[in-house]
Amino acid sequence: MELFHIGRKYPADDATSIAAREEINDEYGGLRGGWPLQCTEYATYRLKTKRGTEIKWPISDGRHGGEWGAIFKEYGTYPVSSEPKQDSIISFPALTCPDERITRFGHVAYVEAVYPDRSIKISEVNLAGDGIYNERVLPEHEWRDTCGANFIIFD
């Protein structure tokens, strides 16, 4: 994670954005599309560079962050759980979370840690737009009750 710094923007032409997209073979077309680094790109990059996991997608379109849990559950590609696990991906379904930053596309982030009180630490990009990197701790009531998040387990 040494490439990413809290609060920093990662626009399309940023060297870190380009490097992350190259690492994941521009899986979502952000390099070609010229938009700021997206949450899906960051989550895929973090999963690959921390765990060595390359996501095996059962579909090629409609892979917005909020759809990840539904996609993997429907196709049985990876386990989807309502329980957090370190090194999983949390998916916030679109339009179910009152957090106004989560758009109609939903959001994904990387779960860095799960604490004894069931709060979780996540790292993410583009929650507030402009490709901004952030890390935050979410209490259980926020990820479970407020946003109805689910976790994709890549073991």
N, C-alpha and C. Protein backbone atom coordinates (compact mmCIF):
# COMPACT_ATOMS: atom_id res chain seq x y z
N MET A 1 0.81 -1.20 0.00
CA MET A 1 0.00 0.00 0.00
C MET A 1 0.85 1.25 0.00
N GLU A 2 2.13 1.10 -0.02
CA GLU A 2 3.02 2.25 0.00
C GLU A 2 2.77 3.22 -1.15
N LEU A 3 2.10 2.78 -2.19
CA LEU A 3 1.79 3.65 -3.32
C LEU A 3 0.68 4.64 -3.00
N PHE A 4 -0.18 4.31 -2.07
CA PHE A 4 -1.37 5.10 -1.80
C PHE A 4 -1.23 5.90 -0.52
N HIS A 5 -1.75 7.14 -0.54
CA HIS A 5 -1.67 8.04 0.60
C HIS A 5 -3.05 8.61 0.90
N ILE A 6 -3.46 8.55 2.15
CA ILE A 6 -4.78 9.01 2.56
C ILE A 6 -5.01 10.45 2.12
N GLY A 7 -6.17 10.66 1.51
CA GLY A 7 -6.58 11.99 1.08
C GLY A 7 -6.07 12.42 -0.28
N ARG A 8 -5.18 11.63 -0.85
CA ARG A 8 -4.61 11.99 -2.15
C ARG A 8 -5.53 11.56 -3.28
N LYS A 9 -5.64 12.41 -4.31
CA LYS A 9 -6.42 12.09 -5.49
C LYS A 9 -5.55 11.28 -6.46
N TYR A 10 -6.20 10.34 -7.14
CA TYR A 10 -5.53 9.52 -8.14
C TYR A 10 -6.25 9.65 -9.47
N PRO A 11 -5.97 10.76 -10.19
CA PRO A 11 -6.61 10.96 -11.49
C PRO A 11 -6.06 9.97 -12.53
N ALA A 12 -6.66 9.97 -13.69
CA ALA A 12 -6.30 9.02 -14.74
C ALA A 12 -4.83 9.08 -15.13
N ASP A 13 -4.26 10.27 -15.17
CA ASP A 13 -2.89 10.42 -15.65
C ASP A 13 -1.83 10.30 -14.55
N ASP A 14 -2.25 9.98 -13.34
CA ASP A 14 -1.31 9.82 -12.22
C ASP A 14 -0.52 8.52 -12.39
N ALA A 15 0.76 8.56 -12.05
CA ALA A 15 1.62 7.39 -12.21
C ALA A 15 1.12 6.19 -11.39
N THR A 16 0.59 6.44 -10.21
CA THR A 16 0.07 5.35 -9.38
C THR A 16 -1.18 4.74 -10.01
N SER A 17 -2.07 5.57 -10.51
CA SER A 17 -3.27 5.07 -11.21
C SER A 17 -2.87 4.20 -12.39
N ILE A 18 -1.93 4.68 -13.16
CA ILE A 18 -1.47 3.94 -14.34
C ILE A 18 -0.84 2.61 -13.92
N ALA A 19 0.01 2.64 -12.90
CA ALA A 19 0.67 1.42 -12.43
C ALA A 19 -0.36 0.40 -11.91
N ALA A 20 -1.34 0.87 -11.13
CA ALA A 20 -2.37 -0.04 -10.61
C ALA A 20 -3.16 -0.65 -11.76
N ARG A 21 -3.52 0.15 -12.73
CA ARG A 21 -4.29 -0.35 -13.87
C ARG A 21 -3.48 -1.31 -14.72
N GLU A 22 -2.21 -1.04 -14.87
CA GLU A 22 -1.36 -1.97 -15.62
C GLU A 22 -1.23 -3.30 -14.87
N GLU A 23 -1.13 -3.24 -13.54
CA GLU A 23 -1.01 -4.45 -12.72
C GLU A 23 -2.23 -5.37 -12.89
N ILE A 24 -3.40 -4.77 -13.08
CA ILE A 24 -4.62 -5.57 -13.24
C ILE A 24 -5.05 -5.64 -14.71
N ASN A 25 -4.12 -5.34 -15.61
CA ASN A 25 -4.38 -5.40 -17.05
C ASN A 25 -5.57 -4.55 -17.47
N ASP A 26 -5.71 -3.40 -16.86
CA ASP A 26 -6.79 -2.46 -17.17
C ASP A 26 -8.14 -3.19 -17.25
N GLU A 27 -8.37 -4.05 -16.27
CA GLU A 27 -9.55 -4.93 -16.20
C GLU A 27 -10.88 -4.22 -16.44
N TYR A 28 -11.00 -2.99 -15.98
CA TYR A 28 -12.28 -2.27 -16.07
C TYR A 28 -12.27 -1.15 -17.09
N GLY A 29 -11.17 -0.98 -17.81
CA GLY A 29 -11.09 0.02 -18.87
C GLY A 29 -10.81 1.43 -18.42
N GLY A 30 -10.41 1.62 -17.17
CA GLY A 30 -10.16 2.97 -16.66
C GLY A 30 -9.01 3.68 -17.35
N LEU A 31 -7.98 2.94 -17.73
CA LEU A 31 -6.85 3.54 -18.45
C LEU A 31 -7.31 4.04 -19.81
N ARG A 32 -8.07 3.20 -20.48
CA ARG A 32 -8.61 3.59 -21.79
C ARG A 32 -9.67 4.67 -21.66
N GLY A 33 -10.47 4.61 -20.58
CA GLY A 33 -11.57 5.56 -20.40
C GLY A 33 -11.14 6.92 -19.89
N GLY A 34 -9.98 6.99 -19.25
CA GLY A 34 -9.46 8.27 -18.79
C GLY A 34 -10.13 8.83 -17.55
N TRP A 35 -10.74 7.99 -16.72
CA TRP A 35 -11.37 8.50 -15.51
C TRP A 35 -10.48 8.28 -14.29
N PRO A 36 -10.76 8.97 -13.18
CA PRO A 36 -9.98 8.76 -11.96
C PRO A 36 -10.04 7.30 -11.53
N LEU A 37 -9.06 6.87 -10.76
CA LEU A 37 -9.03 5.49 -10.27
C LEU A 37 -10.35 5.17 -9.57
N GLN A 38 -10.90 4.01 -9.86
CA GLN A 38 -12.20 3.59 -9.35
C GLN A 38 -12.05 2.58 -8.20
N CYS A 39 -13.12 2.43 -7.43
CA CYS A 39 -13.09 1.51 -6.29
C CYS A 39 -12.86 0.07 -6.74
N THR A 40 -13.47 -0.33 -7.85
CA THR A 40 -13.31 -1.70 -8.34
C THR A 40 -11.87 -1.97 -8.75
N GLU A 41 -11.24 -0.98 -9.35
CA GLU A 41 -9.84 -1.14 -9.76
C GLU A 41 -8.94 -1.27 -8.55
N TYR A 42 -9.16 -0.41 -7.55
CA TYR A 42 -8.33 -0.48 -6.35
C TYR A 42 -8.51 -1.81 -5.63
N ALA A 43 -9.76 -2.24 -5.45
CA ALA A 43 -10.01 -3.50 -4.74
C ALA A 43 -9.35 -4.67 -5.47
N THR A 44 -9.44 -4.69 -6.78
CA THR A 44 -8.82 -5.75 -7.58
C THR A 44 -7.31 -5.68 -7.46
N TYR A 45 -6.75 -4.48 -7.53
CA TYR A 45 -5.31 -4.27 -7.39
C TYR A 45 -4.84 -4.72 -6.00
N ARG A 46 -5.53 -4.32 -4.96
CA ARG A 46 -5.12 -4.66 -3.59
C ARG A 46 -5.18 -6.16 -3.36
N LEU A 47 -6.22 -6.79 -3.86
CA LEU A 47 -6.35 -8.24 -3.74
C LEU A 47 -5.20 -8.96 -4.45
N LYS A 48 -4.85 -8.47 -5.61
CA LYS A 48 -3.77 -9.10 -6.37
C LYS A 48 -2.40 -8.88 -5.72
N THR A 49 -2.13 -7.65 -5.30
CA THR A 49 -0.79 -7.36 -4.77
C THR A 49 -0.60 -7.83 -3.33
N LYS A 50 -1.65 -7.91 -2.55
CA LYS A 50 -1.50 -8.38 -1.17
C LYS A 50 -1.61 -9.90 -1.06
N ARG A 51 -2.55 -10.49 -1.80
CA ARG A 51 -2.81 -11.92 -1.67
C ARG A 51 -2.37 -12.74 -2.88
N GLY A 52 -2.05 -12.07 -3.97
CA GLY A 52 -1.69 -12.79 -5.19
C GLY A 52 -2.89 -13.37 -5.91
N THR A 53 -4.08 -12.88 -5.58
CA THR A 53 -5.32 -13.40 -6.14
C THR A 53 -5.76 -12.58 -7.34
N GLU A 54 -5.99 -13.25 -8.44
CA GLU A 54 -6.58 -12.61 -9.61
C GLU A 54 -8.03 -13.08 -9.68
N ILE A 55 -8.94 -12.14 -9.73
CA ILE A 55 -10.36 -12.47 -9.73
C ILE A 55 -10.73 -13.17 -11.04
N LYS A 56 -11.44 -14.26 -10.91
CA LYS A 56 -11.97 -15.00 -12.06
C LYS A 56 -13.44 -14.61 -12.19
N TRP A 57 -13.71 -13.73 -13.14
CA TRP A 57 -15.05 -13.20 -13.32
C TRP A 57 -15.92 -14.13 -14.15
N PRO A 58 -17.14 -14.39 -13.69
CA PRO A 58 -18.06 -15.21 -14.48
C PRO A 58 -18.79 -14.41 -15.56
N ILE A 59 -18.70 -13.07 -15.49
CA ILE A 59 -19.32 -12.19 -16.49
C ILE A 59 -18.34 -11.10 -16.86
N SER A 60 -18.58 -10.43 -17.99
CA SER A 60 -17.65 -9.39 -18.42
C SER A 60 -18.21 -7.98 -18.28
N ASP A 61 -19.51 -7.83 -18.11
CA ASP A 61 -20.12 -6.50 -17.97
C ASP A 61 -20.93 -6.41 -16.69
N GLY A 62 -21.23 -5.17 -16.26
CA GLY A 62 -22.07 -4.97 -15.09
C GLY A 62 -21.39 -5.30 -13.78
N ARG A 63 -20.08 -5.11 -13.71
CA ARG A 63 -19.32 -5.47 -12.51
C ARG A 63 -19.08 -4.28 -11.59
N HIS A 64 -20.11 -3.45 -11.43
CA HIS A 64 -20.00 -2.31 -10.51
C HIS A 64 -19.83 -2.82 -9.09
N GLY A 65 -19.19 -2.00 -8.26
CA GLY A 65 -18.88 -2.41 -6.89
C GLY A 65 -20.06 -2.96 -6.11
N GLY A 66 -21.20 -2.35 -6.23
CA GLY A 66 -22.37 -2.79 -5.50
C GLY A 66 -22.94 -4.11 -5.97
N GLU A 67 -22.48 -4.59 -7.13
CA GLU A 67 -22.98 -5.84 -7.70
C GLU A 67 -22.10 -7.05 -7.38
N TRP A 68 -20.91 -6.83 -6.85
CA TRP A 68 -19.97 -7.93 -6.66
C TRP A 68 -20.57 -9.08 -5.85
N GLY A 69 -21.17 -8.79 -4.72
CA GLY A 69 -21.74 -9.86 -3.89
C GLY A 69 -22.79 -10.66 -4.64
N ALA A 70 -23.70 -9.97 -5.32
CA ALA A 70 -24.76 -10.65 -6.07
C ALA A 70 -24.19 -11.50 -7.21
N ILE A 71 -23.20 -10.97 -7.90
CA ILE A 71 -22.59 -11.70 -9.02
C ILE A 71 -21.95 -13.00 -8.53
N PHE A 72 -21.09 -12.89 -7.53
CA PHE A 72 -20.36 -14.07 -7.06
C PHE A 72 -21.29 -15.07 -6.37
N LYS A 73 -22.33 -14.58 -5.72
CA LYS A 73 -23.30 -15.48 -5.10
C LYS A 73 -24.10 -16.22 -6.18
N GLU A 74 -24.56 -15.50 -7.18
CA GLU A 74 -25.36 -16.12 -8.25
C GLU A 74 -24.57 -17.18 -9.01
N TYR A 75 -23.32 -16.89 -9.33
CA TYR A 75 -22.52 -17.82 -10.13
C TYR A 75 -21.72 -18.81 -9.28
N GLY A 76 -21.67 -18.61 -7.98
CA GLY A 76 -20.95 -19.52 -7.10
C GLY A 76 -19.44 -19.48 -7.28
N THR A 77 -18.95 -18.39 -7.83
CA THR A 77 -17.51 -18.28 -8.11
C THR A 77 -16.68 -18.18 -6.83
N TYR A 78 -17.15 -17.37 -5.89
CA TYR A 78 -16.48 -17.19 -4.60
C TYR A 78 -17.55 -17.15 -3.51
N PRO A 79 -17.20 -17.59 -2.30
CA PRO A 79 -18.16 -17.49 -1.20
C PRO A 79 -18.49 -16.03 -0.88
N VAL A 80 -19.75 -15.77 -0.61
CA VAL A 80 -20.21 -14.45 -0.20
C VAL A 80 -20.81 -14.62 1.19
N SER A 81 -20.39 -13.78 2.10
CA SER A 81 -20.78 -13.93 3.50
C SER A 81 -21.31 -12.61 4.06
N SER A 82 -22.12 -12.71 5.08
CA SER A 82 -22.55 -11.52 5.81
C SER A 82 -21.59 -11.24 6.96
N GLU A 83 -20.58 -12.11 7.12
CA GLU A 83 -19.60 -11.96 8.19
C GLU A 83 -18.27 -11.46 7.63
N PRO A 84 -17.68 -10.45 8.26
CA PRO A 84 -16.42 -9.91 7.76
C PRO A 84 -15.24 -10.85 7.95
N LYS A 85 -14.31 -10.74 7.07
CA LYS A 85 -13.07 -11.52 7.15
C LYS A 85 -11.93 -10.65 6.62
N GLN A 86 -10.82 -10.65 7.33
CA GLN A 86 -9.65 -9.91 6.88
C GLN A 86 -9.25 -10.40 5.49
N ASP A 87 -8.82 -9.48 4.65
CA ASP A 87 -8.38 -9.74 3.28
C ASP A 87 -9.51 -10.13 2.34
N SER A 88 -10.75 -9.84 2.74
CA SER A 88 -11.89 -10.04 1.84
C SER A 88 -12.21 -8.69 1.19
N ILE A 89 -13.20 -8.70 0.32
CA ILE A 89 -13.69 -7.47 -0.29
C ILE A 89 -15.09 -7.23 0.26
N ILE A 90 -15.33 -6.02 0.74
CA ILE A 90 -16.66 -5.64 1.19
C ILE A 90 -17.36 -4.95 0.03
N SER A 91 -18.60 -5.35 -0.21
CA SER A 91 -19.41 -4.76 -1.28
C SER A 91 -20.63 -4.10 -0.66
N PHE A 92 -20.79 -2.81 -0.96
CA PHE A 92 -21.95 -2.05 -0.51
C PHE A 92 -22.92 -1.98 -1.67
N PRO A 93 -24.04 -2.69 -1.59
CA PRO A 93 -24.99 -2.68 -2.70
C PRO A 93 -25.51 -1.28 -3.02
N ALA A 94 -25.72 -1.03 -4.28
CA ALA A 94 -26.20 0.27 -4.73
C ALA A 94 -27.58 0.57 -4.15
N LEU A 95 -27.77 1.80 -3.80
CA LEU A 95 -29.06 2.34 -3.34
C LEU A 95 -29.58 1.77 -2.03
N THR A 96 -28.82 0.94 -1.35
CA THR A 96 -29.29 0.44 -0.06
C THR A 96 -28.62 1.14 1.11
N CYS A 97 -27.56 1.85 0.85
CA CYS A 97 -26.81 2.50 1.92
C CYS A 97 -27.16 3.99 1.95
N PRO A 98 -27.52 4.52 3.10
CA PRO A 98 -27.86 5.93 3.18
C PRO A 98 -26.65 6.86 3.03
N ASP A 99 -25.46 6.32 2.99
CA ASP A 99 -24.26 7.13 2.79
C ASP A 99 -24.36 7.73 1.38
N GLU A 100 -24.55 9.01 1.30
CA GLU A 100 -24.77 9.67 0.02
C GLU A 100 -23.59 9.54 -0.94
N ARG A 101 -22.43 9.17 -0.45
CA ARG A 101 -21.27 9.00 -1.33
C ARG A 101 -21.36 7.70 -2.12
N ILE A 102 -22.16 6.76 -1.65
CA ILE A 102 -22.32 5.51 -2.37
C ILE A 102 -23.40 5.71 -3.41
N THR A 103 -22.99 5.68 -4.65
CA THR A 103 -23.86 6.03 -5.76
C THR A 103 -24.73 4.87 -6.22
N ARG A 104 -25.36 5.06 -7.34
CA ARG A 104 -26.19 4.01 -7.93
C ARG A 104 -25.38 2.80 -8.35
N PHE A 105 -24.05 2.92 -8.35
CA PHE A 105 -23.19 1.80 -8.72
C PHE A 105 -22.72 1.00 -7.51
N GLY A 106 -22.99 1.49 -6.31
CA GLY A 106 -22.49 0.83 -5.12
C GLY A 106 -21.01 1.12 -4.92
N HIS A 107 -20.37 0.29 -4.08
CA HIS A 107 -18.97 0.56 -3.74
C HIS A 107 -18.33 -0.72 -3.23
N VAL A 108 -17.03 -0.87 -3.47
CA VAL A 108 -16.26 -1.96 -2.88
C VAL A 108 -15.00 -1.40 -2.22
N ALA A 109 -14.52 -2.14 -1.23
CA ALA A 109 -13.30 -1.76 -0.53
C ALA A 109 -12.62 -3.04 -0.04
N TYR A 110 -11.36 -2.91 0.32
CA TYR A 110 -10.57 -4.03 0.82
C TYR A 110 -10.61 -4.05 2.33
N VAL A 111 -10.89 -5.21 2.92
CA VAL A 111 -10.95 -5.33 4.38
C VAL A 111 -9.54 -5.61 4.90
N GLU A 112 -8.97 -4.63 5.55
CA GLU A 112 -7.61 -4.72 6.08
C GLU A 112 -7.56 -5.45 7.41
N ALA A 113 -8.61 -5.27 8.23
CA ALA A 113 -8.62 -5.88 9.56
C ALA A 113 -10.05 -6.02 10.06
N VAL A 114 -10.25 -7.03 10.90
CA VAL A 114 -11.51 -7.21 11.62
C VAL A 114 -11.14 -7.21 13.10
N TYR A 115 -11.78 -6.34 13.86
CA TYR A 115 -11.46 -6.18 15.27
C TYR A 115 -12.41 -6.98 16.17
N PRO A 116 -12.00 -7.24 17.43
CA PRO A 116 -12.84 -8.02 18.35
C PRO A 116 -14.25 -7.44 18.54
N ASP A 117 -14.41 -6.12 18.44
CA ASP A 117 -15.74 -5.52 18.60
C ASP A 117 -16.56 -5.57 17.31
N ARG A 118 -16.02 -6.29 16.29
CA ARG A 118 -16.65 -6.51 14.98
C ARG A 118 -16.65 -5.27 14.09
N SER A 119 -15.89 -4.26 14.50
CA SER A 119 -15.66 -3.16 13.58
C SER A 119 -14.61 -3.64 12.58
N ILE A 120 -14.54 -2.99 11.43
CA ILE A 120 -13.59 -3.39 10.41
C ILE A 120 -12.83 -2.17 9.89
N LYS A 121 -11.58 -2.39 9.53
CA LYS A 121 -10.79 -1.35 8.89
C LYS A 121 -10.76 -1.66 7.39
N ILE A 122 -11.11 -0.66 6.59
CA ILE A 122 -11.08 -0.85 5.14
C ILE A 122 -10.17 0.18 4.49
N SER A 123 -9.67 -0.18 3.31
CA SER A 123 -8.98 0.79 2.45
C SER A 123 -9.79 0.85 1.17
N GLU A 124 -9.84 2.05 0.58
CA GLU A 124 -10.73 2.25 -0.56
C GLU A 124 -10.27 3.44 -1.41
N VAL A 125 -10.80 3.47 -2.61
CA VAL A 125 -10.57 4.59 -3.51
C VAL A 125 -11.91 5.01 -4.08
N ASN A 126 -12.07 6.30 -4.26
CA ASN A 126 -13.16 6.89 -5.02
C ASN A 126 -14.51 6.88 -4.32
N LEU A 127 -14.56 6.76 -3.02
CA LEU A 127 -15.84 6.84 -2.34
C LEU A 127 -16.46 8.22 -2.54
N ALA A 128 -15.65 9.24 -2.39
CA ALA A 128 -16.14 10.61 -2.50
C ALA A 128 -15.89 11.19 -3.90
N GLY A 129 -15.45 10.37 -4.82
CA GLY A 129 -15.15 10.86 -6.17
C GLY A 129 -13.70 11.28 -6.31
N ASP A 130 -13.34 11.63 -7.52
CA ASP A 130 -11.99 12.11 -7.85
C ASP A 130 -10.87 11.13 -7.54
N GLY A 131 -11.18 9.86 -7.36
CA GLY A 131 -10.13 8.87 -7.14
C GLY A 131 -9.40 9.03 -5.82
N ILE A 132 -10.04 9.59 -4.82
CA ILE A 132 -9.38 9.83 -3.52
C ILE A 132 -9.23 8.52 -2.75
N TYR A 133 -8.01 8.30 -2.22
CA TYR A 133 -7.71 7.13 -1.40
C TYR A 133 -8.06 7.43 0.05
N ASN A 134 -8.61 6.43 0.74
CA ASN A 134 -8.96 6.59 2.14
C ASN A 134 -8.85 5.27 2.89
N GLU A 135 -8.67 5.36 4.17
CA GLU A 135 -8.76 4.23 5.09
C GLU A 135 -9.69 4.67 6.21
N ARG A 136 -10.55 3.75 6.66
CA ARG A 136 -11.45 4.10 7.74
C ARG A 136 -11.88 2.85 8.50
N VAL A 137 -12.35 3.07 9.71
CA VAL A 137 -12.87 1.99 10.54
C VAL A 137 -14.39 2.15 10.59
N LEU A 138 -15.08 1.06 10.26
CA LEU A 138 -16.54 1.06 10.27
C LEU A 138 -17.04 0.21 11.45
N PRO A 139 -17.87 0.78 12.32
CA PRO A 139 -18.45 -0.04 13.38
C PRO A 139 -19.44 -1.03 12.76
N GLU A 140 -19.70 -2.10 13.47
CA GLU A 140 -20.57 -3.15 12.94
C GLU A 140 -21.93 -2.62 12.49
N HIS A 141 -22.53 -1.75 13.28
CA HIS A 141 -23.86 -1.26 12.90
C HIS A 141 -23.83 -0.56 11.55
N GLU A 142 -22.71 0.05 11.19
CA GLU A 142 -22.66 0.76 9.91
C GLU A 142 -22.56 -0.20 8.73
N TRP A 143 -21.66 -1.18 8.81
CA TRP A 143 -21.53 -2.08 7.65
C TRP A 143 -22.65 -3.10 7.59
N ARG A 144 -23.20 -3.51 8.72
CA ARG A 144 -24.24 -4.55 8.72
C ARG A 144 -25.64 -3.95 8.60
N ASP A 145 -26.03 -3.16 9.57
CA ASP A 145 -27.41 -2.71 9.67
C ASP A 145 -27.72 -1.53 8.76
N THR A 146 -26.80 -0.60 8.65
CA THR A 146 -27.08 0.60 7.88
C THR A 146 -26.92 0.37 6.38
N CYS A 147 -25.87 -0.35 6.00
CA CYS A 147 -25.58 -0.49 4.57
C CYS A 147 -25.83 -1.88 3.99
N GLY A 148 -26.08 -2.88 4.81
CA GLY A 148 -26.35 -4.21 4.29
C GLY A 148 -25.22 -4.77 3.44
N ALA A 149 -24.01 -4.50 3.85
CA ALA A 149 -22.84 -4.95 3.10
C ALA A 149 -22.67 -6.45 3.14
N ASN A 150 -21.97 -6.96 2.15
CA ASN A 150 -21.59 -8.37 2.16
C ASN A 150 -20.11 -8.48 1.84
N PHE A 151 -19.54 -9.64 2.09
CA PHE A 151 -18.10 -9.84 1.98
C PHE A 151 -17.83 -10.98 1.01
N ILE A 152 -16.94 -10.74 0.06
CA ILE A 152 -16.54 -11.78 -0.88
C ILE A 152 -15.23 -12.34 -0.37
N ILE A 153 -15.19 -13.65 -0.19
CA ILE A 153 -14.04 -14.33 0.40
C ILE A 153 -13.22 -14.96 -0.72
N PHE A 154 -11.97 -14.57 -0.83
CA PHE A 154 -11.08 -15.07 -1.88
C PHE A 154 -10.00 -15.96 -1.29
N ASP A 155 -10.39 -17.07 -0.66
CA ASP A 155 -9.41 -18.00 -0.08
C ASP A 155 -8.95 -19.02 -1.11
